[in-house]
Amino acid sequence: MRTRVKICGFTRVEDAVFAARFGVDAIGLVFYPPSPRNVEINLAIEIVNALPAFVSVVALFVDEQEAQIRKILEQVPVDCLQFHGDEQPEACRIYGKRYIKAVRMQEDTDILALSKRYDDADGLLLDAYHPSAKGGTGSRFDWALIPRLCQVPVILAGGLDATNAKLAVEKVRPYALDVSSGVESGKGIKDRDKMAAFIGAVHRGDRIIK
């Protein structure tokens, strides 16, 4: 199975278009005002309208109010929602959209139990725990915490870049890798060489495990 690649936190149209043309499967748009990668609705619309066919758009929220999420969904063509806060399963389901639930990994995190609670999710995105940040920290967690069998597809995030993407594919064999800061030259500014190197490293990992 081919490992999918999602690059999250785009703030410039040209960066998203480059990633799409280079073969990324999904782009992530952050709708979380405290984040340096937050995008306003008008910019999000511009980015989505510039994308070629067959690239999914994922909208990221952190404990956002339902009214604000619906306002964004009314204006921005989104394929999938990503919930990065403490949202309960019921709160993820009410929009009638496919969704991903992010999990900030700790030693006692029970992924199998979470996969039962969020059993209709399109993926559990496993990220590094930080006491104050909700993601995008560039930190890695212990991959040994990830169970081999999980009923919900595993999306691996946290501290990924071109130097360890191939290893991540080989060791974890996730459904997808999600990267943000690992392909940036600055917060929200994607680096074309780093994006290309990351996607290439994932492809090399896939070839090895076939």
Foldseek 3Di string as FASTA:
>chain_A
DAAAEEEELADDLVVLQLLQVLPHQEYEAECEVVAPSHYDLVSLQVNVVSHDPRHAYEYEDEPDDPVVVVVSVVRHPHQEYEYQYDDFLVRRPPVVHAYEYEDADDPPDDQQVVCVRNVRHQEYEYEHDDPPDSDPPLADDDLVSDDQDHNHFYEYEYNDWLVCLLVCCQPNVGNYYYYYNRQAPDRNHGHSVRSSSNVVSSVVSVVVVD
